[in-house]
Amino acid sequence: MVLGNFEEEVPTAAQLEAAVDAMAMIAARHGVPPERIAGHKDHSGQTVCPGRNLARFLENGWFRARVEARAGPLTSRHKPP
């Protein structure tokens, strides 16, 4: 989805949109509600991934809102087959 050192680099608009597209597809297919989207550092104290310049889009709700807009409300109700 995205590649770079986001402790130092700022993700491009194209990288952000690609990440949203991938997350929306996965969320819709597997019924993952957007509020469950998190970064690696949210589950491990041993990493700063995705880096402060990308993490801010998770922390401020931008990713979740964009994913929900793309995937639709079915993500929280969908049950995979």
PDB file of N, CA and C in Angstrom:
ATOM      1  N   MET A   1       0.825  -1.183   0.000  1.00  0.00           N
ATOM      2  CA  MET A   1       0.000   0.000   0.000  1.00  0.00           C
ATOM      3  C   MET A   1       0.871   1.249   0.000  1.00  0.00           C
ATOM      4  N   VAL A   2       1.687   1.408   1.017  1.00  0.00           N
ATOM      5  CA  VAL A   2       2.569   2.569   1.064  1.00  0.00           C
ATOM      6  C   VAL A   2       3.964   2.101   1.457  1.00  0.00           C
ATOM      7  N   LEU A   3       4.950   2.805   0.948  1.00  0.00           N
ATOM      8  CA  LEU A   3       6.333   2.459   1.227  1.00  0.00           C
ATOM      9  C   LEU A   3       7.081   3.739   1.514  1.00  0.00           C
ATOM     10  N   GLY A   4       7.808   3.750   2.620  1.00  0.00           N
ATOM     11  CA  GLY A   4       8.592   4.923   2.970  1.00  0.00           C
ATOM     12  C   GLY A   4       8.861   4.977   4.458  1.00  0.00           C
ATOM     13  N   ASN A   5       9.702   5.888   4.859  1.00  0.00           N
ATOM     14  CA  ASN A   5       9.983   6.134   6.261  1.00  0.00           C
ATOM     15  C   ASN A   5       9.118   7.316   6.683  1.00  0.00           C
ATOM     16  N   PHE A   6       7.948   7.027   7.220  1.00  0.00           N
ATOM     17  CA  PHE A   6       6.999   8.075   7.534  1.00  0.00           C
ATOM     18  C   PHE A   6       7.252   8.730   8.887  1.00  0.00           C
ATOM     19  N   GLU A   7       8.367   8.411   9.481  1.00  0.00           N
ATOM     20  CA  GLU A   7       8.876   9.214  10.592  1.00  0.00           C
ATOM     21  C   GLU A   7       9.527  10.462  10.011  1.00  0.00           C
ATOM     22  N   GLU A   8      10.053  10.349   8.790  1.00  0.00           N
ATOM     23  CA  GLU A   8      10.755  11.457   8.149  1.00  0.00           C
ATOM     24  C   GLU A   8      10.034  11.998   6.922  1.00  0.00           C
ATOM     25  N   GLU A   9       9.394  11.133   6.164  1.00  0.00           N
ATOM     26  CA  GLU A   9       8.715  11.537   4.932  1.00  0.00           C
ATOM     27  C   GLU A   9       7.227  11.749   5.188  1.00  0.00           C
ATOM     28  N   VAL A  10       6.614  12.548   4.349  1.00  0.00           N
ATOM     29  CA  VAL A  10       5.172  12.765   4.390  1.00  0.00           C
ATOM     30  C   VAL A  10       4.561  11.961   3.240  1.00  0.00           C
ATOM     31  N   PRO A  11       3.520  11.165   3.517  1.00  0.00           N
ATOM     32  CA  PRO A  11       2.916  10.397   2.421  1.00  0.00           C
ATOM     33  C   PRO A  11       2.289  11.323   1.386  1.00  0.00           C
ATOM     34  N   THR A  12       2.379  10.900   0.134  1.00  0.00           N
ATOM     35  CA  THR A  12       1.774  11.678  -0.950  1.00  0.00           C
ATOM     36  C   THR A  12       0.268  11.431  -0.968  1.00  0.00           C
ATOM     37  N   ALA A  13      -0.442  12.297  -1.652  1.00  0.00           N
ATOM     38  CA  ALA A  13      -1.887  12.120  -1.806  1.00  0.00           C
ATOM     39  C   ALA A  13      -2.192  10.786  -2.488  1.00  0.00           C
ATOM     40  N   ALA A  14      -1.380  10.414  -3.466  1.00  0.00           N
ATOM     41  CA  ALA A  14      -1.588   9.136  -4.169  1.00  0.00           C
ATOM     42  C   ALA A  14      -1.394   7.958  -3.216  1.00  0.00           C
ATOM     43  N   GLN A  15      -0.406   8.020  -2.335  1.00  0.00           N
ATOM     44  CA  GLN A  15      -0.190   6.946  -1.365  1.00  0.00           C
ATOM     45  C   GLN A  15      -1.373   6.843  -0.403  1.00  0.00           C
ATOM     46  N   LEU A  16      -1.847   7.978   0.067  1.00  0.00           N
ATOM     47  CA  LEU A  16      -2.984   7.972   0.989  1.00  0.00           C
ATOM     48  C   LEU A  16      -4.224   7.394   0.325  1.00  0.00           C
ATOM     49  N   GLU A  17      -4.496   7.792  -0.897  1.00  0.00           N
ATOM     50  CA  GLU A  17      -5.675   7.276  -1.596  1.00  0.00           C
ATOM     51  C   GLU A  17      -5.547   5.791  -1.891  1.00  0.00           C
ATOM     52  N   ALA A  18      -4.344   5.323  -2.225  1.00  0.00           N
ATOM     53  CA  ALA A  18      -4.130   3.892  -2.463  1.00  0.00           C
ATOM     54  C   ALA A  18      -4.368   3.097  -1.182  1.00  0.00           C
ATOM     55  N   ALA A  19      -3.914   3.627  -0.058  1.00  0.00           N
ATOM     56  CA  ALA A  19      -4.133   2.955   1.228  1.00  0.00           C
ATOM     57  C   ALA A  19      -5.624   2.903   1.554  1.00  0.00           C
ATOM     58  N   VAL A  20      -6.330   3.983   1.314  1.00  0.00           N
ATOM     59  CA  VAL A  20      -7.772   4.011   1.550  1.00  0.00           C
ATOM     60  C   VAL A  20      -8.475   2.999   0.648  1.00  0.00           C
ATOM     61  N   ASP A  21      -8.113   2.953  -0.626  1.00  0.00           N
ATOM     62  CA  ASP A  21      -8.728   1.990  -1.554  1.00  0.00           C
ATOM     63  C   ASP A  21      -8.537   0.562  -1.065  1.00  0.00           C
ATOM     64  N   ALA A  22      -7.303   0.230  -0.667  1.00  0.00           N
ATOM     65  CA  ALA A  22      -7.017  -1.134  -0.199  1.00  0.00           C
ATOM     66  C   ALA A  22      -7.771  -1.440   1.088  1.00  0.00           C
ATOM     67  N   MET A  23      -7.770  -0.502   2.025  1.00  0.00           N
ATOM     68  CA  MET A  23      -8.477  -0.728   3.290  1.00  0.00           C
ATOM     69  C   MET A  23      -9.977  -0.853   3.078  1.00  0.00           C
ATOM     70  N   ALA A  24     -10.539  -0.044   2.193  1.00  0.00           N
ATOM     71  CA  ALA A  24     -11.979  -0.113   1.925  1.00  0.00           C
ATOM     72  C   ALA A  24     -12.350  -1.450   1.301  1.00  0.00           C
ATOM     73  N   MET A  25     -11.539  -1.939   0.383  1.00  0.00           N
ATOM     74  CA  MET A  25     -11.807  -3.222  -0.250  1.00  0.00           C
ATOM     75  C   MET A  25     -11.768  -4.347   0.787  1.00  0.00           C
ATOM     76  N   ILE A  26     -10.750  -4.337   1.629  1.00  0.00           N
ATOM     77  CA  ILE A  26     -10.622  -5.374   2.658  1.00  0.00           C
ATOM     78  C   ILE A  26     -11.752  -5.271   3.674  1.00  0.00           C
ATOM     79  N   ALA A  27     -12.067  -4.052   4.110  1.00  0.00           N
ATOM     80  CA  ALA A  27     -13.136  -3.853   5.087  1.00  0.00           C
ATOM     81  C   ALA A  27     -14.474  -4.350   4.552  1.00  0.00           C
ATOM     82  N   ALA A  28     -14.790  -3.999   3.306  1.00  0.00           N
ATOM     83  CA  ALA A  28     -16.058  -4.425   2.711  1.00  0.00           C
ATOM     84  C   ALA A  28     -16.114  -5.935   2.519  1.00  0.00           C
ATOM     85  N   ARG A  29     -15.023  -6.509   2.052  1.00  0.00           N
ATOM     86  CA  ARG A  29     -15.004  -7.953   1.782  1.00  0.00           C
ATOM     87  C   ARG A  29     -15.117  -8.787   3.053  1.00  0.00           C
ATOM     88  N   HIS A  30     -14.489  -8.318   4.133  1.00  0.00           N
ATOM     89  CA  HIS A  30     -14.417  -9.121   5.355  1.00  0.00           C
ATOM     90  C   HIS A  30     -15.261  -8.576   6.500  1.00  0.00           C
ATOM     91  N   GLY A  31     -16.041  -7.543   6.224  1.00  0.00           N
ATOM     92  CA  GLY A  31     -16.940  -7.018   7.244  1.00  0.00           C
ATOM     93  C   GLY A  31     -16.229  -6.360   8.416  1.00  0.00           C
ATOM     94  N   VAL A  32     -15.118  -5.716   8.139  1.00  0.00           N
ATOM     95  CA  VAL A  32     -14.359  -5.044   9.197  1.00  0.00           C
ATOM     96  C   VAL A  32     -14.866  -3.613   9.327  1.00  0.00           C
ATOM     97  N   PRO A  33     -15.402  -3.242  10.484  1.00  0.00           N
ATOM     98  CA  PRO A  33     -15.865  -1.867  10.637  1.00  0.00           C
ATOM     99  C   PRO A  33     -14.685  -0.896  10.676  1.00  0.00           C
ATOM    100  N   PRO A  34     -14.846   0.280  10.095  1.00  0.00           N
ATOM    101  CA  PRO A  34     -13.738   1.239  10.032  1.00  0.00           C
ATOM    102  C   PRO A  34     -13.123   1.572  11.393  1.00  0.00           C
ATOM    103  N   GLU A  35     -13.907   1.551  12.451  1.00  0.00           N
ATOM    104  CA  GLU A  35     -13.344   1.880  13.772  1.00  0.00           C
ATOM    105  C   GLU A  35     -12.311   0.857  14.247  1.00  0.00           C
ATOM    106  N   ARG A  36     -12.225  -0.286  13.595  1.00  0.00           N
ATOM    107  CA  ARG A  36     -11.228  -1.298  13.950  1.00  0.00           C
ATOM    108  C   ARG A  36      -9.896  -1.088  13.239  1.00  0.00           C
ATOM    109  N   ILE A  37      -9.828  -0.147  12.310  1.00  0.00           N
ATOM    110  CA  ILE A  37      -8.590   0.125  11.583  1.00  0.00           C
ATOM    111  C   ILE A  37      -7.598   0.774  12.542  1.00  0.00           C
ATOM    112  N   ALA A  38      -6.390   0.221  12.593  1.00  0.00           N
ATOM    113  CA  ALA A  38      -5.358   0.725  13.501  1.00  0.00           C
ATOM    114  C   ALA A  38      -3.991   0.524  12.860  1.00  0.00           C
ATOM    115  N   GLY A  39      -2.991   1.137  13.442  1.00  0.00           N
ATOM    116  CA  GLY A  39      -1.623   0.986  12.980  1.00  0.00           C
ATOM    117  C   GLY A  39      -0.885  -0.078  13.776  1.00  0.00           C
ATOM    118  N   HIS A  40       0.249  -0.501  13.270  1.00  0.00           N
ATOM    119  CA  HIS A  40       1.044  -1.511  13.973  1.00  0.00           C
ATOM    120  C   HIS A  40       1.393  -1.076  15.382  1.00  0.00           C
ATOM    121  N   LYS A  41       1.734   0.204  15.563  1.00  0.00           N
ATOM    122  CA  LYS A  41       2.156   0.669  16.886  1.00  0.00           C
ATOM    123  C   LYS A  41       1.021   0.611  17.904  1.00  0.00           C
ATOM    124  N   ASP A  42      -0.225   0.501  17.432  1.00  0.00           N
ATOM    125  CA  ASP A  42      -1.354   0.364  18.345  1.00  0.00           C
ATOM    126  C   ASP A  42      -1.411  -1.019  18.972  1.00  0.00           C
ATOM    127  N   HIS A  43      -0.650  -1.954  18.423  1.00  0.00           N
ATOM    128  CA  HIS A  43      -0.655  -3.336  18.909  1.00  0.00           C
ATOM    129  C   HIS A  43       0.703  -3.804  19.403  1.00  0.00           C
ATOM    130  N   SER A  44       1.710  -2.951  19.310  1.00  0.00           N
ATOM    131  CA  SER A  44       3.058  -3.340  19.727  1.00  0.00           C
ATOM    132  C   SER A  44       3.810  -2.111  20.216  1.00  0.00           C
ATOM    133  N   GLY A  45       4.468  -2.246  21.334  1.00  0.00           N
ATOM    134  CA  GLY A  45       5.294  -1.169  21.848  1.00  0.00           C
ATOM    135  C   GLY A  45       6.689  -1.173  21.261  1.00  0.00           C
ATOM    136  N   GLN A  46       6.935  -2.043  20.284  1.00  0.00           N
ATOM    137  CA  GLN A  46       8.273  -2.204  19.731  1.00  0.00           C
ATOM    138  C   GLN A  46       8.435  -1.592  18.344  1.00  0.00           C
ATOM    139  N   THR A  47       7.480  -0.770  17.930  1.00  0.00           N
ATOM    140  CA  THR A  47       7.568  -0.155  16.605  1.00  0.00           C
ATOM    141  C   THR A  47       6.941   1.230  16.628  1.00  0.00           C
ATOM    142  N   VAL A  48       7.378   2.069  15.730  1.00  0.00           N
ATOM    143  CA  VAL A  48       6.730   3.363  15.535  1.00  0.00           C
ATOM    144  C   VAL A  48       5.905   3.351  14.247  1.00  0.00           C
ATOM    145  N   CYS A  49       5.844   2.195  13.600  1.00  0.00           N
ATOM    146  CA  CYS A  49       5.102   2.027  12.361  1.00  0.00           C
ATOM    147  C   CYS A  49       3.628   2.385  12.595  1.00  0.00           C
ATOM    148  N   PRO A  50       3.034   3.166  11.791  1.00  0.00           N
ATOM    149  CA  PRO A  50       3.410   3.572  10.453  1.00  0.00           C
ATOM    150  C   PRO A  50       4.231   4.862  10.377  1.00  0.00           C
ATOM    151  N   GLY A  51       4.696   5.368  11.468  1.00  0.00           N
ATOM    152  CA  GLY A  51       5.451   6.627  11.473  1.00  0.00           C
ATOM    153  C   GLY A  51       4.531   7.806  11.731  1.00  0.00           C
ATOM    154  N   ARG A  52       5.058   8.814  12.384  1.00  0.00           N
ATOM    155  CA  ARG A  52       4.216   9.939  12.828  1.00  0.00           C
ATOM    156  C   ARG A  52       3.505  10.666  11.687  1.00  0.00           C
ATOM    157  N   ASN A  53       4.133  10.736  10.512  1.00  0.00           N
ATOM    158  CA  ASN A  53       3.520  11.470   9.404  1.00  0.00           C
ATOM    159  C   ASN A  53       2.394  10.708   8.713  1.00  0.00           C
ATOM    160  N   LEU A  54       2.314   9.411   8.934  1.00  0.00           N
ATOM    161  CA  LEU A  54       1.195   8.618   8.419  1.00  0.00           C
ATOM    162  C   LEU A  54       0.203   8.330   9.546  1.00  0.00           C
ATOM    163  N   ALA A  55       0.712   8.127  10.756  1.00  0.00           N
ATOM    164  CA  ALA A  55      -0.145   7.818  11.904  1.00  0.00           C
ATOM    165  C   ALA A  55      -1.162   8.916  12.173  1.00  0.00           C
ATOM    166  N   ARG A  56      -0.791  10.150  11.890  1.00  0.00           N
ATOM    167  CA  ARG A  56      -1.733  11.247  12.173  1.00  0.00           C
ATOM    168  C   ARG A  56      -3.045  11.089  11.405  1.00  0.00           C
ATOM    169  N   PHE A  57      -3.004  10.440  10.242  1.00  0.00           N
ATOM    170  CA  PHE A  57      -4.227  10.219   9.470  1.00  0.00           C
ATOM    171  C   PHE A  57      -5.113   9.154  10.122  1.00  0.00           C
ATOM    172  N   LEU A  58      -4.512   8.249  10.862  1.00  0.00           N
ATOM    173  CA  LEU A  58      -5.282   7.292  11.661  1.00  0.00           C
ATOM    174  C   LEU A  58      -5.808   7.965  12.922  1.00  0.00           C
ATOM    175  N   GLU A  59      -4.942   8.701  13.584  1.00  0.00           N
ATOM    176  CA  GLU A  59      -5.285   9.305  14.867  1.00  0.00           C
ATOM    177  C   GLU A  59      -6.379  10.358  14.761  1.00  0.00           C
ATOM    178  N   ASN A  60      -6.410  11.105  13.681  1.00  0.00           N
ATOM    179  CA  ASN A  60      -7.429  12.158  13.551  1.00  0.00           C
ATOM    180  C   ASN A  60      -8.722  11.665  12.893  1.00  0.00           C
ATOM    181  N   GLY A  61      -8.799  10.370  12.557  1.00  0.00           N
ATOM    182  CA  GLY A  61     -10.007   9.787  11.993  1.00  0.00           C
ATOM    183  C   GLY A  61     -10.144   9.893  10.482  1.00  0.00           C
ATOM    184  N   TRP A  62      -9.154  10.499   9.826  1.00  0.00           N
ATOM    185  CA  TRP A  62      -9.234  10.696   8.376  1.00  0.00           C
ATOM    186  C   TRP A  62      -9.370   9.371   7.629  1.00  0.00           C
ATOM    187  N   PHE A  63      -8.499   8.382   7.950  1.00  0.00           N
ATOM    188  CA  PHE A  63      -8.560   7.084   7.261  1.00  0.00           C
ATOM    189  C   PHE A  63      -9.908   6.410   7.467  1.00  0.00           C
ATOM    190  N   ARG A  64     -10.360   6.368   8.702  1.00  0.00           N
ATOM    191  CA  ARG A  64     -11.620   5.683   8.991  1.00  0.00           C
ATOM    192  C   ARG A  64     -12.786   6.315   8.231  1.00  0.00           C
ATOM    193  N   ALA A  65     -12.823   7.637   8.208  1.00  0.00           N
ATOM    194  CA  ALA A  65     -13.910   8.331   7.499  1.00  0.00           C
ATOM    195  C   ALA A  65     -13.852   8.053   5.999  1.00  0.00           C
ATOM    196  N   ARG A  66     -12.664   8.075   5.419  1.00  0.00           N
ATOM    197  CA  ARG A  66     -12.519   7.823   3.979  1.00  0.00           C
ATOM    198  C   ARG A  66     -12.869   6.372   3.640  1.00  0.00           C
ATOM    199  N   VAL A  67     -12.429   5.443   4.496  1.00  0.00           N
ATOM    200  CA  VAL A  67     -12.737   4.026   4.262  1.00  0.00           C
ATOM    201  C   VAL A  67     -14.243   3.804   4.339  1.00  0.00           C
ATOM    202  N   GLU A  68     -14.889   4.369   5.332  1.00  0.00           N
ATOM    203  CA  GLU A  68     -16.337   4.198   5.459  1.00  0.00           C
ATOM    204  C   GLU A  68     -17.065   4.799   4.259  1.00  0.00           C
ATOM    205  N   ALA A  69     -16.597   5.948   3.780  1.00  0.00           N
ATOM    206  CA  ALA A  69     -17.223   6.570   2.611  1.00  0.00           C
ATOM    207  C   ALA A  69     -17.073   5.696   1.368  1.00  0.00           C
ATOM    208  N   ARG A  70     -15.945   5.021   1.233  1.00  0.00           N
ATOM    209  CA  ARG A  70     -15.717   4.164   0.051  1.00  0.00           C
ATOM    210  C   ARG A  70     -16.379   2.803   0.199  1.00  0.00           C
ATOM    211  N   ALA A  71     -16.251   2.205   1.387  1.00  0.00           N
ATOM    212  CA  ALA A  71     -16.749   0.838   1.581  1.00  0.00           C
ATOM    213  C   ALA A  71     -18.241   0.816   1.859  1.00  0.00           C
ATOM    214  N   GLY A  72     -18.771   1.894   2.395  1.00  0.00           N
ATOM    215  CA  GLY A  72     -20.190   1.978   2.690  1.00  0.00           C
ATOM    216  C   GLY A  72     -20.522   1.421   4.060  1.00  0.00           C
ATOM    217  N   PRO A  73     -21.752   1.604   4.478  1.00  0.00           N
ATOM    218  CA  PRO A  73     -22.176   1.183   5.807  1.00  0.00           C
ATOM    219  C   PRO A  73     -22.244  -0.321   5.987  1.00  0.00           C
ATOM    220  N   LEU A  74     -22.162  -1.078   4.910  1.00  0.00           N
ATOM    221  CA  LEU A  74     -22.245  -2.535   5.045  1.00  0.00           C
ATOM    222  C   LEU A  74     -21.038  -3.123   5.770  1.00  0.00           C
ATOM    223  N   THR A  75     -19.951  -2.387   5.888  1.00  0.00           N
ATOM    224  CA  THR A  75     -18.765  -2.948   6.514  1.00  0.00           C
ATOM    225  C   THR A  75     -19.016  -3.365   7.944  1.00  0.00           C
ATOM    226  N   SER A  76     -19.893  -2.685   8.664  1.00  0.00           N
ATOM    227  CA  SER A  76     -20.133  -3.059  10.036  1.00  0.00           C
ATOM    228  C   SER A  76     -21.204  -4.145  10.173  1.00  0.00           C
ATOM    229  N   ARG A  77     -21.939  -4.429   9.102  1.00  0.00           N
ATOM    230  CA  ARG A  77     -22.989  -5.448   9.162  1.00  0.00           C
ATOM    231  C   ARG A  77     -22.665  -6.691   8.359  1.00  0.00           C
ATOM    232  N   HIS A  78     -21.737  -6.583   7.429  1.00  0.00           N
ATOM    233  CA  HIS A  78     -21.418  -7.674   6.506  1.00  0.00           C
ATOM    234  C   HIS A  78     -20.810  -8.855   7.238  1.00  0.00           C
ATOM    235  N   LYS A  79     -21.271 -10.017   6.943  1.00  0.00           N
ATOM    236  CA  LYS A  79     -20.697 -11.257   7.467  1.00  0.00           C
ATOM    237  C   LYS A  79     -20.118 -12.034   6.288  1.00  0.00           C
ATOM    238  N   PRO A  80     -18.817 -12.321   6.328  1.00  0.00           N
ATOM    239  CA  PRO A  80     -18.249 -13.068   5.197  1.00  0.00           C
ATOM    240  C   PRO A  80     -18.858 -14.453   5.080  1.00  0.00           C
ATOM    241  N   PRO A  81     -18.920 -14.990   3.860  1.00  0.00           N
ATOM    242  CA  PRO A  81     -19.509 -16.328   3.653  1.00  0.00           C
ATOM    243  C   PRO A  81     -18.708 -17.408   4.319  1.00  0.00           C
TER     244      PRO A  81
END
